[in-house]
Amino acid sequence: PSVYKLLVICTEPDKTHPLMSAIIDAFAIDKDSVAFCSLFQFEQLQGDLPELVWSTLGDIKVADNVNFLSSPSLAVLNHEPDAKKSLWKQFCAYRK
């Protein structure tokens, strides 16, 4: 299994967006257990994925057995309460 609990597939601006750490805190995941990568890096990945994968690039292709969360970019998410709710609902569905 992966040493990380969460893999975030995102752009550099999303990675450094203030909302990123707020969301990771809300997910109650230790920041040392989070890895970040670009879509290109993700597509090159081999081996085990963490228990949770979150894309701020919208829907992307992942294996059926992956717990996958999808959201718009954080700049968009920051101003769209419905998008935040959708992300939270996805997260809660996997936590059960």
PDB file of N, CA and C in Angstrom:
ATOM      1  N   PRO A   1       0.825  -1.214   0.000  1.00  0.00           N
ATOM      2  CA  PRO A   1       0.000   0.000   0.000  1.00  0.00           C
ATOM      3  C   PRO A   1       0.859   1.263   0.000  1.00  0.00           C
ATOM      4  N   SER A   2       0.269   2.339  -0.425  1.00  0.00           N
ATOM      5  CA  SER A   2       0.970   3.623  -0.488  1.00  0.00           C
ATOM      6  C   SER A   2       1.226   4.170   0.912  1.00  0.00           C
ATOM      7  N   VAL A   3       2.305   4.934   1.058  1.00  0.00           N
ATOM      8  CA  VAL A   3       2.594   5.569   2.349  1.00  0.00           C
ATOM      9  C   VAL A   3       1.706   6.805   2.545  1.00  0.00           C
ATOM     10  N   TYR A   4       1.081   7.253   1.469  1.00  0.00           N
ATOM     11  CA  TYR A   4       0.214   8.432   1.538  1.00  0.00           C
ATOM     12  C   TYR A   4      -1.245   8.032   1.710  1.00  0.00           C
ATOM     13  N   LYS A   5      -2.030   8.923   2.307  1.00  0.00           N
ATOM     14  CA  LYS A   5      -3.464   8.680   2.462  1.00  0.00           C
ATOM     15  C   LYS A   5      -4.258   9.380   1.376  1.00  0.00           C
ATOM     16  N   LEU A   6      -3.676  10.460   0.836  1.00  0.00           N
ATOM     17  CA  LEU A   6      -4.376  11.258  -0.171  1.00  0.00           C
ATOM     18  C   LEU A   6      -3.403  11.681  -1.259  1.00  0.00           C
ATOM     19  N   LEU A   7      -3.818  11.488  -2.503  1.00  0.00           N
ATOM     20  CA  LEU A   7      -3.062  11.986  -3.644  1.00  0.00           C
ATOM     21  C   LEU A   7      -3.917  13.056  -4.304  1.00  0.00           C
ATOM     22  N   VAL A   8      -3.370  14.258  -4.423  1.00  0.00           N
ATOM     23  CA  VAL A   8      -4.089  15.357  -5.061  1.00  0.00           C
ATOM     24  C   VAL A   8      -3.487  15.605  -6.439  1.00  0.00           C
ATOM     25  N   ILE A   9      -4.319  15.469  -7.456  1.00  0.00           N
ATOM     26  CA  ILE A   9      -3.898  15.745  -8.829  1.00  0.00           C
ATOM     27  C   ILE A   9      -4.368  17.164  -9.126  1.00  0.00           C
ATOM     28  N   CYS A  10      -3.408  18.076  -9.293  1.00  0.00           N
ATOM     29  CA  CYS A  10      -3.783  19.480  -9.397  1.00  0.00           C
ATOM     30  C   CYS A  10      -2.710  20.297 -10.105  1.00  0.00           C
ATOM     31  N   THR A  11      -3.039  21.548 -10.356  1.00  0.00           N
ATOM     32  CA  THR A  11      -2.086  22.487 -10.922  1.00  0.00           C
ATOM     33  C   THR A  11      -1.267  23.101  -9.786  1.00  0.00           C
ATOM     34  N   GLU A  12      -0.188  23.740 -10.132  1.00  0.00           N
ATOM     35  CA  GLU A  12       0.649  24.410  -9.123  1.00  0.00           C
ATOM     36  C   GLU A  12      -0.146  25.498  -8.368  1.00  0.00           C
ATOM     37  N   PRO A  13      -0.944  26.329  -9.068  1.00  0.00           N
ATOM     38  CA  PRO A  13      -1.740  27.330  -8.325  1.00  0.00           C
ATOM     39  C   PRO A  13      -2.707  26.692  -7.323  1.00  0.00           C
ATOM     40  N   ASP A  14      -3.291  25.536  -7.672  1.00  0.00           N
ATOM     41  CA  ASP A  14      -4.187  24.859  -6.729  1.00  0.00           C
ATOM     42  C   ASP A  14      -3.412  24.342  -5.519  1.00  0.00           C
ATOM     43  N   LYS A  15      -2.234  23.812  -5.773  1.00  0.00           N
ATOM     44  CA  LYS A  15      -1.423  23.238  -4.692  1.00  0.00           C
ATOM     45  C   LYS A  15      -1.124  24.287  -3.618  1.00  0.00           C
ATOM     46  N   THR A  16      -0.898  25.531  -4.057  1.00  0.00           N
ATOM     47  CA  THR A  16      -0.509  26.583  -3.109  1.00  0.00           C
ATOM     48  C   THR A  16      -1.685  27.466  -2.685  1.00  0.00           C
ATOM     49  N   HIS A  17      -2.883  27.158  -3.184  1.00  0.00           N
ATOM     50  CA  HIS A  17      -4.073  27.952  -2.846  1.00  0.00           C
ATOM     51  C   HIS A  17      -4.393  27.794  -1.354  1.00  0.00           C
ATOM     52  N   PRO A  18      -4.773  28.886  -0.676  1.00  0.00           N
ATOM     53  CA  PRO A  18      -5.085  28.802   0.762  1.00  0.00           C
ATOM     54  C   PRO A  18      -6.187  27.780   1.083  1.00  0.00           C
ATOM     55  N   LEU A  19      -7.100  27.589   0.150  1.00  0.00           N
ATOM     56  CA  LEU A  19      -8.190  26.634   0.375  1.00  0.00           C
ATOM     57  C   LEU A  19      -7.683  25.194   0.463  1.00  0.00           C
ATOM     58  N   MET A  20      -6.554  24.904  -0.189  1.00  0.00           N
ATOM     59  CA  MET A  20      -6.027  23.533  -0.190  1.00  0.00           C
ATOM     60  C   MET A  20      -5.784  23.033   1.237  1.00  0.00           C
ATOM     61  N   SER A  21      -5.063  23.814   2.038  1.00  0.00           N
ATOM     62  CA  SER A  21      -4.779  23.330   3.395  1.00  0.00           C
ATOM     63  C   SER A  21      -6.050  23.294   4.237  1.00  0.00           C
ATOM     64  N   ALA A  22      -6.989  24.201   3.976  1.00  0.00           N
ATOM     65  CA  ALA A  22      -8.257  24.185   4.717  1.00  0.00           C
ATOM     66  C   ALA A  22      -9.041  22.905   4.417  1.00  0.00           C
ATOM     67  N   ILE A  23      -9.047  22.494   3.155  1.00  0.00           N
ATOM     68  CA  ILE A  23      -9.774  21.274   2.777  1.00  0.00           C
ATOM     69  C   ILE A  23      -9.078  20.045   3.359  1.00  0.00           C
ATOM     70  N   ILE A  24      -7.763  19.998   3.289  1.00  0.00           N
ATOM     71  CA  ILE A  24      -7.025  18.855   3.844  1.00  0.00           C
ATOM     72  C   ILE A  24      -7.259  18.772   5.361  1.00  0.00           C
ATOM     73  N   ASP A  25      -7.293  19.934   6.024  1.00  0.00           N
ATOM     74  CA  ASP A  25      -7.621  19.949   7.454  1.00  0.00           C
ATOM     75  C   ASP A  25      -9.033  19.414   7.689  1.00  0.00           C
ATOM     76  N   ALA A  26      -9.977  19.839   6.854  1.00  0.00           N
ATOM     77  CA  ALA A  26     -11.361  19.379   6.993  1.00  0.00           C
ATOM     78  C   ALA A  26     -11.469  17.869   6.786  1.00  0.00           C
ATOM     79  N   PHE A  27     -10.641  17.339   5.880  1.00  0.00           N
ATOM     80  CA  PHE A  27     -10.609  15.889   5.655  1.00  0.00           C
ATOM     81  C   PHE A  27      -9.934  15.164   6.817  1.00  0.00           C
ATOM     82  N   ALA A  28      -9.320  15.925   7.729  1.00  0.00           N
ATOM     83  CA  ALA A  28      -8.604  15.358   8.880  1.00  0.00           C
ATOM     84  C   ALA A  28      -7.505  14.401   8.431  1.00  0.00           C
ATOM     85  N   ILE A  29      -6.770  14.832   7.418  1.00  0.00           N
ATOM     86  CA  ILE A  29      -5.634  14.047   6.926  1.00  0.00           C
ATOM     87  C   ILE A  29      -4.358  14.829   7.240  1.00  0.00           C
ATOM     88  N   ASP A  30      -3.399  14.151   7.840  1.00  0.00           N
ATOM     89  CA  ASP A  30      -2.129  14.770   8.189  1.00  0.00           C
ATOM     90  C   ASP A  30      -1.417  15.235   6.916  1.00  0.00           C
ATOM     91  N   LYS A  31      -0.897  16.460   6.931  1.00  0.00           N
ATOM     92  CA  LYS A  31      -0.263  17.010   5.726  1.00  0.00           C
ATOM     93  C   LYS A  31       0.929  16.158   5.242  1.00  0.00           C
ATOM     94  N   ASP A  32       1.569  15.440   6.142  1.00  0.00           N
ATOM     95  CA  ASP A  32       2.668  14.552   5.743  1.00  0.00           C
ATOM     96  C   ASP A  32       2.170  13.320   4.986  1.00  0.00           C
ATOM     97  N   SER A  33       0.845  13.089   5.031  1.00  0.00           N
ATOM     98  CA  SER A  33       0.256  11.928   4.361  1.00  0.00           C
ATOM     99  C   SER A  33      -0.368  12.290   3.016  1.00  0.00           C
ATOM    100  N   VAL A  34      -0.080  13.523   2.557  1.00  0.00           N
ATOM    101  CA  VAL A  34      -0.656  14.007   1.302  1.00  0.00           C
ATOM    102  C   VAL A  34       0.444  14.165   0.254  1.00  0.00           C
ATOM    103  N   ALA A  35       0.186  13.647  -0.935  1.00  0.00           N
ATOM    104  CA  ALA A  35       1.110  13.825  -2.060  1.00  0.00           C
ATOM    105  C   ALA A  35       0.391  14.615  -3.148  1.00  0.00           C
ATOM    106  N   PHE A  36       1.156  15.396  -3.898  1.00  0.00           N
ATOM    107  CA  PHE A  36       0.610  16.198  -4.988  1.00  0.00           C
ATOM    108  C   PHE A  36       1.277  15.790  -6.288  1.00  0.00           C
ATOM    109  N   CYS A  37       0.508  15.818  -7.381  1.00  0.00           N
ATOM    110  CA  CYS A  37       1.112  15.582  -8.686  1.00  0.00           C
ATOM    111  C   CYS A  37       0.275  16.246  -9.768  1.00  0.00           C
ATOM    112  N   SER A  38       0.884  16.412 -10.922  1.00  0.00           N
ATOM    113  CA  SER A  38       0.172  16.937 -12.086  1.00  0.00           C
ATOM    114  C   SER A  38      -0.551  15.771 -12.770  1.00  0.00           C
ATOM    115  N   LEU A  39      -1.426  16.092 -13.701  1.00  0.00           N
ATOM    116  CA  LEU A  39      -2.115  15.046 -14.452  1.00  0.00           C
ATOM    117  C   LEU A  39      -1.101  14.187 -15.214  1.00  0.00           C
ATOM    118  N   PHE A  40      -0.104  14.827 -15.804  1.00  0.00           N
ATOM    119  CA  PHE A  40       0.936  14.082 -16.523  1.00  0.00           C
ATOM    120  C   PHE A  40       1.642  13.104 -15.587  1.00  0.00           C
ATOM    121  N   GLN A  41       2.021  13.585 -14.398  1.00  0.00           N
ATOM    122  CA  GLN A  41       2.699  12.706 -13.427  1.00  0.00           C
ATOM    123  C   GLN A  41       1.785  11.553 -13.018  1.00  0.00           C
ATOM    124  N   PHE A  42       0.508  11.860 -12.815  1.00  0.00           N
ATOM    125  CA  PHE A  42      -0.441  10.819 -12.419  1.00  0.00           C
ATOM    126  C   PHE A  42      -0.542   9.737 -13.488  1.00  0.00           C
ATOM    127  N   GLU A  43      -0.590  10.175 -14.759  1.00  0.00           N
ATOM    128  CA  GLU A  43      -0.705   9.211 -15.857  1.00  0.00           C
ATOM    129  C   GLU A  43       0.537   8.331 -15.980  1.00  0.00           C
ATOM    130  N   GLN A  44       1.675   8.790 -15.462  1.00  0.00           N
ATOM    131  CA  GLN A  44       2.915   8.006 -15.500  1.00  0.00           C
ATOM    132  C   GLN A  44       3.065   7.091 -14.278  1.00  0.00           C
ATOM    133  N   LEU A  45       2.220   7.305 -13.267  1.00  0.00           N
ATOM    134  CA  LEU A  45       2.345   6.568 -12.003  1.00  0.00           C
ATOM    135  C   LEU A  45       2.157   5.073 -12.199  1.00  0.00           C
ATOM    136  N   GLN A  46       2.979   4.319 -11.537  1.00  0.00           N
ATOM    137  CA  GLN A  46       2.837   2.872 -11.495  1.00  0.00           C
ATOM    138  C   GLN A  46       2.749   2.475 -10.031  1.00  0.00           C
ATOM    139  N   GLY A  47       2.076   1.371  -9.767  1.00  0.00           N
ATOM    140  CA  GLY A  47       2.052   0.877  -8.397  1.00  0.00           C
ATOM    141  C   GLY A  47       0.833   1.326  -7.623  1.00  0.00           C
ATOM    142  N   ASP A  48       0.915   1.183  -6.319  1.00  0.00           N
ATOM    143  CA  ASP A  48      -0.234   1.417  -5.451  1.00  0.00           C
ATOM    144  C   ASP A  48      -0.573   2.898  -5.314  1.00  0.00           C
ATOM    145  N   LEU A  49      -1.848   3.172  -5.333  1.00  0.00           N
ATOM    146  CA  LEU A  49      -2.336   4.530  -5.081  1.00  0.00           C
ATOM    147  C   LEU A  49      -2.775   4.623  -3.626  1.00  0.00           C
ATOM    148  N   PRO A  50      -2.804   5.839  -3.086  1.00  0.00           N
ATOM    149  CA  PRO A  50      -3.322   6.008  -1.729  1.00  0.00           C
ATOM    150  C   PRO A  50      -4.806   5.632  -1.676  1.00  0.00           C
ATOM    151  N   GLU A  51      -5.366   5.574  -0.458  1.00  0.00           N
ATOM    152  CA  GLU A  51      -6.766   5.173  -0.335  1.00  0.00           C
ATOM    153  C   GLU A  51      -7.710   6.208  -0.941  1.00  0.00           C
ATOM    154  N   LEU A  52      -7.221   7.443  -1.121  1.00  0.00           N
ATOM    155  CA  LEU A  52      -8.074   8.498  -1.654  1.00  0.00           C
ATOM    156  C   LEU A  52      -7.314   9.309  -2.700  1.00  0.00           C
ATOM    157  N   VAL A  53      -7.956   9.554  -3.850  1.00  0.00           N
ATOM    158  CA  VAL A  53      -7.368  10.366  -4.914  1.00  0.00           C
ATOM    159  C   VAL A  53      -8.348  11.493  -5.213  1.00  0.00           C
ATOM    160  N   TRP A  54      -7.848  12.721  -5.203  1.00  0.00           N
ATOM    161  CA  TRP A  54      -8.692  13.890  -5.452  1.00  0.00           C
ATOM    162  C   TRP A  54      -8.106  14.680  -6.620  1.00  0.00           C
ATOM    163  N   SER A  55      -8.938  14.943  -7.606  1.00  0.00           N
ATOM    164  CA  SER A  55      -8.528  15.749  -8.751  1.00  0.00           C
ATOM    165  C   SER A  55      -9.221  17.102  -8.718  1.00  0.00           C
ATOM    166  N   THR A  56      -8.432  18.184  -8.809  1.00  0.00           N
ATOM    167  CA  THR A  56      -9.019  19.519  -8.945  1.00  0.00           C
ATOM    168  C   THR A  56      -9.090  19.896 -10.428  1.00  0.00           C
ATOM    169  N   LEU A  57      -8.921  18.891 -11.285  1.00  0.00           N
ATOM    170  CA  LEU A  57      -8.968  19.091 -12.732  1.00  0.00           C
ATOM    171  C   LEU A  57     -10.255  18.517 -13.312  1.00  0.00           C
ATOM    172  N   GLY A  58     -11.227  18.233 -12.436  1.00  0.00           N
ATOM    173  CA  GLY A  58     -12.455  17.591 -12.892  1.00  0.00           C
ATOM    174  C   GLY A  58     -12.252  16.092 -13.015  1.00  0.00           C
ATOM    175  N   ASP A  59     -13.150  15.433 -13.742  1.00  0.00           N
ATOM    176  CA  ASP A  59     -13.089  13.979 -13.888  1.00  0.00           C
ATOM    177  C   ASP A  59     -11.924  13.566 -14.779  1.00  0.00           C
ATOM    178  N   ILE A  60     -11.208  12.571 -14.327  1.00  0.00           N
ATOM    179  CA  ILE A  60     -10.133  11.983 -15.129  1.00  0.00           C
ATOM    180  C   ILE A  60     -10.282  10.470 -15.046  1.00  0.00           C
ATOM    181  N   LYS A  61      -9.565   9.757 -15.874  1.00  0.00           N
ATOM    182  CA  LYS A  61      -9.670   8.295 -15.876  1.00  0.00           C
ATOM    183  C   LYS A  61      -8.873   7.706 -14.716  1.00  0.00           C
ATOM    184  N   VAL A  62      -9.579   6.931 -13.888  1.00  0.00           N
ATOM    185  CA  VAL A  62      -8.918   6.191 -12.812  1.00  0.00           C
ATOM    186  C   VAL A  62      -9.531   4.788 -12.771  1.00  0.00           C
ATOM    187  N   ALA A  63      -8.831   3.869 -12.157  1.00  0.00           N
ATOM    188  CA  ALA A  63      -9.346   2.503 -12.034  1.00  0.00           C
ATOM    189  C   ALA A  63     -10.620   2.504 -11.194  1.00  0.00           C
ATOM    190  N   ASP A  64     -11.484   1.520 -11.442  1.00  0.00           N
ATOM    191  CA  ASP A  64     -12.771   1.441 -10.738  1.00  0.00           C
ATOM    192  C   ASP A  64     -12.619   1.275  -9.233  1.00  0.00           C
ATOM    193  N   ASN A  65     -11.514   0.691  -8.807  1.00  0.00           N
ATOM    194  CA  ASN A  65     -11.337   0.417  -7.380  1.00  0.00           C
ATOM    195  C   ASN A  65     -10.737   1.598  -6.612  1.00  0.00           C
ATOM    196  N   VAL A  66     -10.547   2.728  -7.278  1.00  0.00           N
ATOM    197  CA  VAL A  66      -9.945   3.898  -6.632  1.00  0.00           C
ATOM    198  C   VAL A  66     -11.042   4.775  -6.035  1.00  0.00           C
ATOM    199  N   ASN A  67     -10.852   5.181  -4.786  1.00  0.00           N
ATOM    200  CA  ASN A  67     -11.746   6.158  -4.163  1.00  0.00           C
ATOM    201  C   ASN A  67     -11.388   7.517  -4.736  1.00  0.00           C
ATOM    202  N   PHE A  68     -12.224   7.993  -5.648  1.00  0.00           N
ATOM    203  CA  PHE A  68     -11.881   9.167  -6.441  1.00  0.00           C
ATOM    204  C   PHE A  68     -12.815  10.337  -6.148  1.00  0.00           C
ATOM    205  N   LEU A  69     -12.221  11.472  -5.808  1.00  0.00           N
ATOM    206  CA  LEU A  69     -12.967  12.713  -5.605  1.00  0.00           C
ATOM    207  C   LEU A  69     -12.633  13.656  -6.746  1.00  0.00           C
ATOM    208  N   SER A  70     -13.632  14.389  -7.201  1.00  0.00           N
ATOM    209  CA  SER A  70     -13.428  15.295  -8.316  1.00  0.00           C
ATOM    210  C   SER A  70     -14.017  16.658  -7.972  1.00  0.00           C
ATOM    211  N   SER A  71     -13.270  17.711  -8.296  1.00  0.00           N
ATOM    212  CA  SER A  71     -13.785  19.065  -8.076  1.00  0.00           C
ATOM    213  C   SER A  71     -13.203  19.987  -9.140  1.00  0.00           C
ATOM    214  N   PRO A  72     -13.808  21.171  -9.274  1.00  0.00           N
ATOM    215  CA  PRO A  72     -13.164  22.172 -10.137  1.00  0.00           C
ATOM    216  C   PRO A  72     -11.905  22.702  -9.449  1.00  0.00           C
ATOM    217  N   SER A  73     -11.193  23.569 -10.129  1.00  0.00           N
ATOM    218  CA  SER A  73      -9.999  24.172  -9.524  1.00  0.00           C
ATOM    219  C   SER A  73     -10.377  24.917  -8.249  1.00  0.00           C
ATOM    220  N   LEU A  74      -9.413  25.125  -7.376  1.00  0.00           N
ATOM    221  CA  LEU A  74      -9.712  25.773  -6.100  1.00  0.00           C
ATOM    222  C   LEU A  74     -10.133  27.225  -6.275  1.00  0.00           C
ATOM    223  N   ALA A  75      -9.637  27.882  -7.307  1.00  0.00           N
ATOM    224  CA  ALA A  75     -10.070  29.260  -7.580  1.00  0.00           C
ATOM    225  C   ALA A  75     -11.581  29.287  -7.833  1.00  0.00           C
ATOM    226  N   VAL A  76     -12.082  28.280  -8.550  1.00  0.00           N
ATOM    227  CA  VAL A  76     -13.523  28.164  -8.808  1.00  0.00           C
ATOM    228  C   VAL A  76     -14.237  27.695  -7.546  1.00  0.00           C
ATOM    229  N   LEU A  77     -13.698  26.670  -6.917  1.00  0.00           N
ATOM    230  CA  LEU A  77     -14.294  26.088  -5.707  1.00  0.00           C
ATOM    231  C   LEU A  77     -14.486  27.144  -4.624  1.00  0.00           C
ATOM    232  N   ASN A  78     -13.541  28.047  -4.531  1.00  0.00           N
ATOM    233  CA  ASN A  78     -13.554  29.092  -3.511  1.00  0.00           C
ATOM    234  C   ASN A  78     -14.814  29.956  -3.585  1.00  0.00           C
ATOM    235  N   HIS A  79     -15.368  30.093  -4.801  1.00  0.00           N
ATOM    236  CA  HIS A  79     -16.518  30.978  -4.996  1.00  0.00           C
ATOM    237  C   HIS A  79     -17.811  30.225  -5.296  1.00  0.00           C
ATOM    238  N   GLU A  80     -17.767  28.914  -5.211  1.00  0.00           N
ATOM    239  CA  GLU A  80     -18.960  28.118  -5.524  1.00  0.00           C
ATOM    240  C   GLU A  80     -19.314  27.170  -4.380  1.00  0.00           C
ATOM    241  N   PRO A  81     -20.213  27.615  -3.504  1.00  0.00           N
ATOM    242  CA  PRO A  81     -20.612  26.780  -2.360  1.00  0.00           C
ATOM    243  C   PRO A  81     -21.134  25.400  -2.782  1.00  0.00           C
ATOM    244  N   ASP A  82     -21.855  25.324  -3.906  1.00  0.00           N
ATOM    245  CA  ASP A  82     -22.383  24.031  -4.343  1.00  0.00           C
ATOM    246  C   ASP A  82     -21.264  23.065  -4.712  1.00  0.00           C
ATOM    247  N   ALA A  83     -20.203  23.597  -5.316  1.00  0.00           N
ATOM    248  CA  ALA A  83     -19.061  22.752  -5.674  1.00  0.00           C
ATOM    249  C   ALA A  83     -18.362  22.249  -4.410  1.00  0.00           C
ATOM    250  N   LYS A  84     -18.260  23.119  -3.400  1.00  0.00           N
ATOM    251  CA  LYS A  84     -17.668  22.691  -2.113  1.00  0.00           C
ATOM    252  C   LYS A  84     -18.517  21.593  -1.486  1.00  0.00           C
ATOM    253  N   LYS A  85     -19.841  21.782  -1.504  1.00  0.00           N
ATOM    254  CA  LYS A  85     -20.742  20.769  -0.928  1.00  0.00           C
ATOM    255  C   LYS A  85     -20.586  19.444  -1.663  1.00  0.00           C
ATOM    256  N   SER A  86     -20.479  19.505  -2.981  1.00  0.00           N
ATOM    257  CA  SER A  86     -20.333  18.289  -3.775  1.00  0.00           C
ATOM    258  C   SER A  86     -19.053  17.543  -3.389  1.00  0.00           C
ATOM    259  N   LEU A  87     -17.953  18.279  -3.244  1.00  0.00           N
ATOM    260  CA  LEU A  87     -16.687  17.661  -2.846  1.00  0.00           C
ATOM    261  C   LEU A  87     -16.819  17.013  -1.468  1.00  0.00           C
ATOM    262  N   TRP A  88     -17.441  17.717  -0.536  1.00  0.00           N
ATOM    263  CA  TRP A  88     -17.619  17.188   0.822  1.00  0.00           C
ATOM    264  C   TRP A  88     -18.485  15.931   0.806  1.00  0.00           C
ATOM    265  N   LYS A  89     -19.556  15.933  -0.008  1.00  0.00           N
ATOM    266  CA  LYS A  89     -20.422  14.747  -0.104  1.00  0.00           C
ATOM    267  C   LYS A  89     -19.637  13.559  -0.646  1.00  0.00           C
ATOM    268  N   GLN A  90     -18.809  13.802  -1.653  1.00  0.00           N
ATOM    269  CA  GLN A  90     -17.986  12.713  -2.208  1.00  0.00           C
ATOM    270  C   GLN A  90     -17.071  12.158  -1.122  1.00  0.00           C
ATOM    271  N   PHE A  91     -16.446  13.070  -0.365  1.00  0.00           N
ATOM    272  CA  PHE A  91     -15.518  12.650   0.686  1.00  0.00           C
ATOM    273  C   PHE A  91     -16.254  11.819   1.744  1.00  0.00           C
ATOM    274  N   CYS A  92     -17.406  12.303   2.186  1.00  0.00           N
ATOM    275  CA  CYS A  92     -18.174  11.590   3.221  1.00  0.00           C
ATOM    276  C   CYS A  92     -18.621  10.216   2.746  1.00  0.00           C
ATOM    277  N   ALA A  93     -18.924  10.094   1.463  1.00  0.00           N
ATOM    278  CA  ALA A  93     -19.351   8.799   0.915  1.00  0.00           C
ATOM    279  C   ALA A  93     -18.243   7.754   1.021  1.00  0.00           C
ATOM    280  N   TYR A  94     -16.976   8.172   0.863  1.00  0.00           N
ATOM    281  CA  TYR A  94     -15.861   7.228   0.946  1.00  0.00           C
ATOM    282  C   TYR A  94     -15.439   6.934   2.371  1.00  0.00           C
ATOM    283  N   ARG A  95     -15.795   7.808   3.289  1.00  0.00           N
ATOM    284  CA  ARG A  95     -15.363   7.633   4.673  1.00  0.00           C
ATOM    285  C   ARG A  95     -16.098   6.538   5.391  1.00  0.00           C
ATOM    286  N   LYS A  96     -17.272   6.161   4.891  1.00  0.00           N
ATOM    287  CA  LYS A  96     -18.118   5.172   5.591  1.00  0.00           C
ATOM    288  C   LYS A  96     -17.442   3.809   5.666  1.00  0.00           C
TER     289      LYS A  96
END
